[in-house]
Amino acid sequence: WHLIMSISNATLVELPPEYLGEAADLAANALIDNPIYTAICGPANQSTTAADDDDGPSRSYRQRFLSWIFEKNFRLRSGTCVNRALFDGSNNDKKKNKQLVAFFMFLPPNTPDVGLLDMLRVGMAAAPFLFGIDVVRRLLSIKDEYERIERIVVADHRHHRHHHHLCCC
């Protein structure tokens, strides 16, 4: 109930740059045990930057990796109105008076893809040095497969969109 009351006083705005790290940490905490991200971080015997447990790289290693990669992704879209945030508290610009309640990335149709120079600008080239080349390879492999499937689904949707109608009963 407290959350509902708090949200009634909240405002939806573009996620300010000074909150990118906090949003990234929250996302990392929420997704730390996600099977995809656990697979990207790899088996225990391949992690050289953190103490490992029986299930693969440690949670602290995954937390660091996910916080880092999410912050870079949020930074890539910073200033484009794609990163949205819900704040509770004062509407002024002083961070100490705002509490981040929720955030999300919304990519409208026809949003341009991020280019190599954009990735270099936010420091993504450091990933192999910070987390290992195998983690980067797995990340790019899963990203490529996701994009391949997405192209198929979008093409199928475009082909069939005139044949399906939304029915509200």
C-alpha atoms as a PDB file:
ATOM      1  CA  TRP A   1       0.000   0.000   0.000  1.00  0.00           C
ATOM      2  CA  HIS A   2       2.859   2.368   0.786  1.00  0.00           C
ATOM      3  CA  LEU A   3       4.246   1.852  -2.734  1.00  0.00           C
ATOM      4  CA  ILE A   4       0.882   2.728  -4.303  1.00  0.00           C
ATOM      5  CA  MET A   5       0.678   5.886  -2.220  1.00  0.00           C
ATOM      6  CA  SER A   6       4.261   6.774  -3.132  1.00  0.00           C
ATOM      7  CA  ILE A   7       3.706   6.269  -6.862  1.00  0.00           C
ATOM      8  CA  SER A   8       0.750   8.655  -6.823  1.00  0.00           C
ATOM      9  CA  ASN A   9       3.258  11.461  -6.112  1.00  0.00           C
ATOM     10  CA  ALA A  10       5.793  10.232  -8.680  1.00  0.00           C
ATOM     11  CA  THR A  11       6.776  11.660 -12.049  1.00  0.00           C
ATOM     12  CA  LEU A  12       7.844   9.833 -15.197  1.00  0.00           C
ATOM     13  CA  VAL A  13      10.851  11.518 -16.793  1.00  0.00           C
ATOM     14  CA  GLU A  14      13.925  10.705 -18.813  1.00  0.00           C
ATOM     15  CA  LEU A  15      16.421   8.855 -16.599  1.00  0.00           C
ATOM     16  CA  PRO A  16      19.008  11.509 -15.617  1.00  0.00           C
ATOM     17  CA  PRO A  17      22.665  10.550 -16.224  1.00  0.00           C
ATOM     18  CA  GLU A  18      23.450  10.677 -12.506  1.00  0.00           C
ATOM     19  CA  TYR A  19      21.023   7.768 -11.956  1.00  0.00           C
ATOM     20  CA  LEU A  20      22.437   5.432 -14.641  1.00  0.00           C
ATOM     21  CA  GLY A  21      24.630   3.573 -12.151  1.00  0.00           C
ATOM     22  CA  GLU A  22      21.815   3.150  -9.624  1.00  0.00           C
ATOM     23  CA  ALA A  23      19.457   1.881 -12.343  1.00  0.00           C
ATOM     24  CA  ALA A  24      22.144  -0.509 -13.605  1.00  0.00           C
ATOM     25  CA  ASP A  25      22.724  -1.898 -10.099  1.00  0.00           C
ATOM     26  CA  LEU A  26      18.982  -2.428  -9.600  1.00  0.00           C
ATOM     27  CA  ALA A  27      18.684  -4.223 -12.950  1.00  0.00           C
ATOM     28  CA  ALA A  28      21.736  -6.369 -12.151  1.00  0.00           C
ATOM     29  CA  ASN A  29      20.254  -7.378  -8.793  1.00  0.00           C
ATOM     30  CA  ALA A  30      16.974  -8.300 -10.454  1.00  0.00           C
ATOM     31  CA  LEU A  31      18.629 -10.397 -13.197  1.00  0.00           C
ATOM     32  CA  ILE A  32      21.647 -11.862 -11.410  1.00  0.00           C
ATOM     33  CA  ASP A  33      20.229 -15.411 -11.487  1.00  0.00           C
ATOM     34  CA  ASN A  34      18.759 -15.172 -14.992  1.00  0.00           C
ATOM     35  CA  PRO A  35      19.913 -18.271 -16.921  1.00  0.00           C
ATOM     36  CA  ILE A  36      20.993 -16.240 -19.960  1.00  0.00           C
ATOM     37  CA  TYR A  37      23.243 -13.951 -17.934  1.00  0.00           C
ATOM     38  CA  THR A  38      24.563 -16.886 -15.918  1.00  0.00           C
ATOM     39  CA  ALA A  39      25.437 -18.600 -19.235  1.00  0.00           C
ATOM     40  CA  ILE A  40      27.124 -15.457 -20.552  1.00  0.00           C
ATOM     41  CA  CYS A  41      29.336 -15.309 -17.462  1.00  0.00           C
ATOM     42  CA  GLY A  42      30.301 -18.915 -18.142  1.00  0.00           C
ATOM     43  CA  PRO A  43      31.414 -21.973 -16.232  1.00  0.00           C
ATOM     44  CA  ALA A  44      33.433 -21.706 -13.048  1.00  0.00           C
ATOM     45  CA  ASN A  45      36.677 -22.880 -14.605  1.00  0.00           C
ATOM     46  CA  GLN A  46      36.634 -19.980 -17.113  1.00  0.00           C
ATOM     47  CA  SER A  47      36.199 -17.120 -14.676  1.00  0.00           C
ATOM     48  CA  THR A  48      39.553 -15.680 -13.756  1.00  0.00           C
ATOM     49  CA  THR A  49      38.436 -12.428 -12.165  1.00  0.00           C
ATOM     50  CA  ALA A  50      36.377 -13.664  -9.220  1.00  0.00           C
ATOM     51  CA  ALA A  51      36.080 -16.461  -6.697  1.00  0.00           C
ATOM     52  CA  ASP A  52      33.836 -19.168  -8.106  1.00  0.00           C
ATOM     53  CA  ASP A  53      31.213 -21.401  -6.598  1.00  0.00           C
ATOM     54  CA  ASP A  54      29.857 -24.757  -7.772  1.00  0.00           C
ATOM     55  CA  ASP A  55      27.324 -23.168 -10.135  1.00  0.00           C
ATOM     56  CA  GLY A  56      29.757 -21.008 -12.072  1.00  0.00           C
ATOM     57  CA  PRO A  57      31.211 -17.589 -11.521  1.00  0.00           C
ATOM     58  CA  SER A  58      30.317 -16.084  -8.198  1.00  0.00           C
ATOM     59  CA  ARG A  59      27.288 -13.909  -7.694  1.00  0.00           C
ATOM     60  CA  SER A  60      29.601 -10.985  -6.987  1.00  0.00           C
ATOM     61  CA  TYR A  61      31.299 -11.500 -10.384  1.00  0.00           C
ATOM     62  CA  ARG A  62      27.907 -11.626 -12.156  1.00  0.00           C
ATOM     63  CA  GLN A  63      26.787  -8.552 -10.198  1.00  0.00           C
ATOM     64  CA  ARG A  64      29.858  -6.606 -11.304  1.00  0.00           C
ATOM     65  CA  PHE A  65      29.506  -7.737 -14.928  1.00  0.00           C
ATOM     66  CA  LEU A  66      25.776  -7.025 -15.154  1.00  0.00           C
ATOM     67  CA  SER A  67      26.028  -3.639 -13.419  1.00  0.00           C
ATOM     68  CA  TRP A  68      28.831  -2.680 -15.775  1.00  0.00           C
ATOM     69  CA  ILE A  69      27.152  -3.835 -19.003  1.00  0.00           C
ATOM     70  CA  PHE A  70      23.735  -2.405 -18.064  1.00  0.00           C
ATOM     71  CA  GLU A  71      25.259   0.965 -17.172  1.00  0.00           C
ATOM     72  CA  LYS A  72      27.005   1.021 -20.571  1.00  0.00           C
ATOM     73  CA  ASN A  73      23.742   0.133 -22.344  1.00  0.00           C
ATOM     74  CA  PHE A  74      21.820   2.818 -20.479  1.00  0.00           C
ATOM     75  CA  ARG A  75      24.582   5.328 -21.243  1.00  0.00           C
ATOM     76  CA  LEU A  76      24.392   4.438 -24.961  1.00  0.00           C
ATOM     77  CA  ARG A  77      20.775   5.627 -25.001  1.00  0.00           C
ATOM     78  CA  SER A  78      21.186   8.517 -22.545  1.00  0.00           C
ATOM     79  CA  GLY A  79      19.711  11.765 -23.833  1.00  0.00           C
ATOM     80  CA  THR A  80      17.474  10.053 -26.407  1.00  0.00           C
ATOM     81  CA  CYS A  81      14.307   9.767 -24.265  1.00  0.00           C
ATOM     82  CA  VAL A  82      14.608   5.958 -24.405  1.00  0.00           C
ATOM     83  CA  ASN A  83      15.590   5.573 -20.740  1.00  0.00           C
ATOM     84  CA  ARG A  84      12.559   6.445 -18.655  1.00  0.00           C
ATOM     85  CA  ALA A  85      12.340   6.689 -14.874  1.00  0.00           C
ATOM     86  CA  LEU A  86       9.703   7.101 -12.221  1.00  0.00           C
ATOM     87  CA  PHE A  87      10.766   9.173  -9.231  1.00  0.00           C
ATOM     88  CA  ASP A  88       9.101   9.785  -5.921  1.00  0.00           C
ATOM     89  CA  GLY A  89       9.759  12.957  -4.008  1.00  0.00           C
ATOM     90  CA  SER A  90      10.641  16.465  -5.001  1.00  0.00           C
ATOM     91  CA  ASN A  91      10.466  17.479  -8.667  1.00  0.00           C
ATOM     92  CA  ASN A  92      13.554  19.629  -8.390  1.00  0.00           C
ATOM     93  CA  ASP A  93      16.881  18.572  -9.877  1.00  0.00           C
ATOM     94  CA  LYS A  94      18.616  17.750  -6.604  1.00  0.00           C
ATOM     95  CA  LYS A  95      19.261  14.019  -6.466  1.00  0.00           C
ATOM     96  CA  LYS A  96      19.055  13.865  -2.667  1.00  0.00           C
ATOM     97  CA  ASN A  97      15.352  14.707  -2.827  1.00  0.00           C
ATOM     98  CA  LYS A  98      14.359  12.025  -5.343  1.00  0.00           C
ATOM     99  CA  GLN A  99      13.953   8.298  -4.960  1.00  0.00           C
ATOM    100  CA  LEU A 100      14.157   6.102  -8.055  1.00  0.00           C
ATOM    101  CA  VAL A 101      10.965   4.015  -7.950  1.00  0.00           C
ATOM    102  CA  ALA A 102      11.103   2.341 -11.382  1.00  0.00           C
ATOM    103  CA  PHE A 103      12.894   2.630 -14.713  1.00  0.00           C
ATOM    104  CA  PHE A 104      12.808   1.066 -18.157  1.00  0.00           C
ATOM    105  CA  MET A 105      14.127   1.376 -21.680  1.00  0.00           C
ATOM    106  CA  PHE A 106      11.521   1.830 -24.386  1.00  0.00           C
ATOM    107  CA  LEU A 107      12.799   1.562 -27.952  1.00  0.00           C
ATOM    108  CA  PRO A 108      10.137   2.887 -30.301  1.00  0.00           C
ATOM    109  CA  PRO A 109       9.919   1.392 -33.795  1.00  0.00           C
ATOM    110  CA  ASN A 110      12.623   2.637 -36.142  1.00  0.00           C
ATOM    111  CA  THR A 111      15.018   3.503 -33.322  1.00  0.00           C
ATOM    112  CA  PRO A 112      18.466   3.516 -34.946  1.00  0.00           C
ATOM    113  CA  ASP A 113      20.858   0.746 -33.977  1.00  0.00           C
ATOM    114  CA  VAL A 114      23.833   1.607 -31.818  1.00  0.00           C
ATOM    115  CA  GLY A 115      27.029   1.837 -33.831  1.00  0.00           C
ATOM    116  CA  LEU A 116      30.578   0.766 -33.077  1.00  0.00           C
ATOM    117  CA  LEU A 117      31.710   4.336 -32.422  1.00  0.00           C
ATOM    118  CA  ASP A 118      28.890   4.753 -29.892  1.00  0.00           C
ATOM    119  CA  MET A 119      30.023   1.603 -28.095  1.00  0.00           C
ATOM    120  CA  LEU A 120      33.625   2.805 -28.049  1.00  0.00           C
ATOM    121  CA  ARG A 121      32.521   6.217 -26.753  1.00  0.00           C
ATOM    122  CA  VAL A 122      30.922   4.696 -23.629  1.00  0.00           C
ATOM    123  CA  GLY A 123      33.873   2.399 -22.930  1.00  0.00           C
ATOM    124  CA  MET A 124      32.558  -0.998 -24.005  1.00  0.00           C
ATOM    125  CA  ALA A 125      35.958  -1.874 -25.492  1.00  0.00           C
ATOM    126  CA  ALA A 126      37.190  -2.454 -21.935  1.00  0.00           C
ATOM    127  CA  ALA A 127      34.912  -5.496 -21.495  1.00  0.00           C
ATOM    128  CA  PRO A 128      37.432  -8.172 -22.578  1.00  0.00           C
ATOM    129  CA  PHE A 129      40.036  -6.720 -20.214  1.00  0.00           C
ATOM    130  CA  LEU A 130      37.643  -6.449 -17.289  1.00  0.00           C
ATOM    131  CA  PHE A 131      35.666  -9.684 -17.723  1.00  0.00           C
ATOM    132  CA  GLY A 132      37.593 -11.846 -20.204  1.00  0.00           C
ATOM    133  CA  ILE A 133      37.288 -12.508 -23.920  1.00  0.00           C
ATOM    134  CA  ASP A 134      35.129 -15.626 -23.403  1.00  0.00           C
ATOM    135  CA  VAL A 135      32.428 -13.593 -21.644  1.00  0.00           C
ATOM    136  CA  VAL A 136      32.419 -11.099 -24.514  1.00  0.00           C
ATOM    137  CA  ARG A 137      32.217 -13.908 -27.100  1.00  0.00           C
ATOM    138  CA  ARG A 138      29.255 -15.499 -25.315  1.00  0.00           C
ATOM    139  CA  LEU A 139      27.538 -12.121 -24.958  1.00  0.00           C
ATOM    140  CA  LEU A 140      27.947 -11.328 -28.669  1.00  0.00           C
ATOM    141  CA  SER A 141      26.884 -14.822 -29.711  1.00  0.00           C
ATOM    142  CA  ILE A 142      23.662 -14.630 -27.694  1.00  0.00           C
ATOM    143  CA  LYS A 143      23.049 -11.077 -28.931  1.00  0.00           C
ATOM    144  CA  ASP A 144      23.484 -12.208 -32.561  1.00  0.00           C
ATOM    145  CA  GLU A 145      21.086 -15.139 -32.079  1.00  0.00           C
ATOM    146  CA  TYR A 146      18.513 -12.910 -30.388  1.00  0.00           C
ATOM    147  CA  GLU A 147      18.699 -10.408 -33.270  1.00  0.00           C
ATOM    148  CA  ARG A 148      18.411 -13.210 -35.855  1.00  0.00           C
ATOM    149  CA  ILE A 149      15.221 -14.507 -34.208  1.00  0.00           C
ATOM    150  CA  GLU A 150      13.903 -10.966 -33.811  1.00  0.00           C
ATOM    151  CA  ARG A 151      14.284 -10.363 -37.573  1.00  0.00           C
ATOM    152  CA  ILE A 152      12.304 -13.537 -38.306  1.00  0.00           C
ATOM    153  CA  VAL A 153       9.529 -12.620 -35.865  1.00  0.00           C
ATOM    154  CA  VAL A 154       9.283  -9.041 -37.151  1.00  0.00           C
ATOM    155  CA  ALA A 155       9.234 -10.197 -40.791  1.00  0.00           C
ATOM    156  CA  ASP A 156       6.523 -12.751 -39.966  1.00  0.00           C
ATOM    157  CA  HIS A 157       4.524 -10.099 -38.110  1.00  0.00           C
ATOM    158  CA  ARG A 158       4.735  -7.709 -41.071  1.00  0.00           C
ATOM    159  CA  HIS A 159       3.653 -10.465 -43.442  1.00  0.00           C
ATOM    160  CA  HIS A 160       0.605 -11.393 -41.356  1.00  0.00           C
ATOM    161  CA  ARG A 161      -0.358  -8.063 -39.820  1.00  0.00           C
ATOM    162  CA  HIS A 162      -3.185  -7.420 -42.261  1.00  0.00           C
ATOM    163  CA  HIS A 163      -4.708 -10.803 -41.532  1.00  0.00           C
ATOM    164  CA  HIS A 164      -4.977 -10.508 -37.753  1.00  0.00           C
ATOM    165  CA  HIS A 165      -7.151  -8.141 -35.792  1.00  0.00           C
ATOM    166  CA  LEU A 166      -7.244  -7.340 -32.143  1.00  0.00           C
ATOM    167  CA  CYS A 167     -10.444  -8.588 -30.563  1.00  0.00           C
ATOM    168  CA  CYS A 168     -11.649  -7.086 -27.320  1.00  0.00           C
ATOM    169  CA  CYS A 169     -14.325  -9.225 -25.705  1.00  0.00           C
END
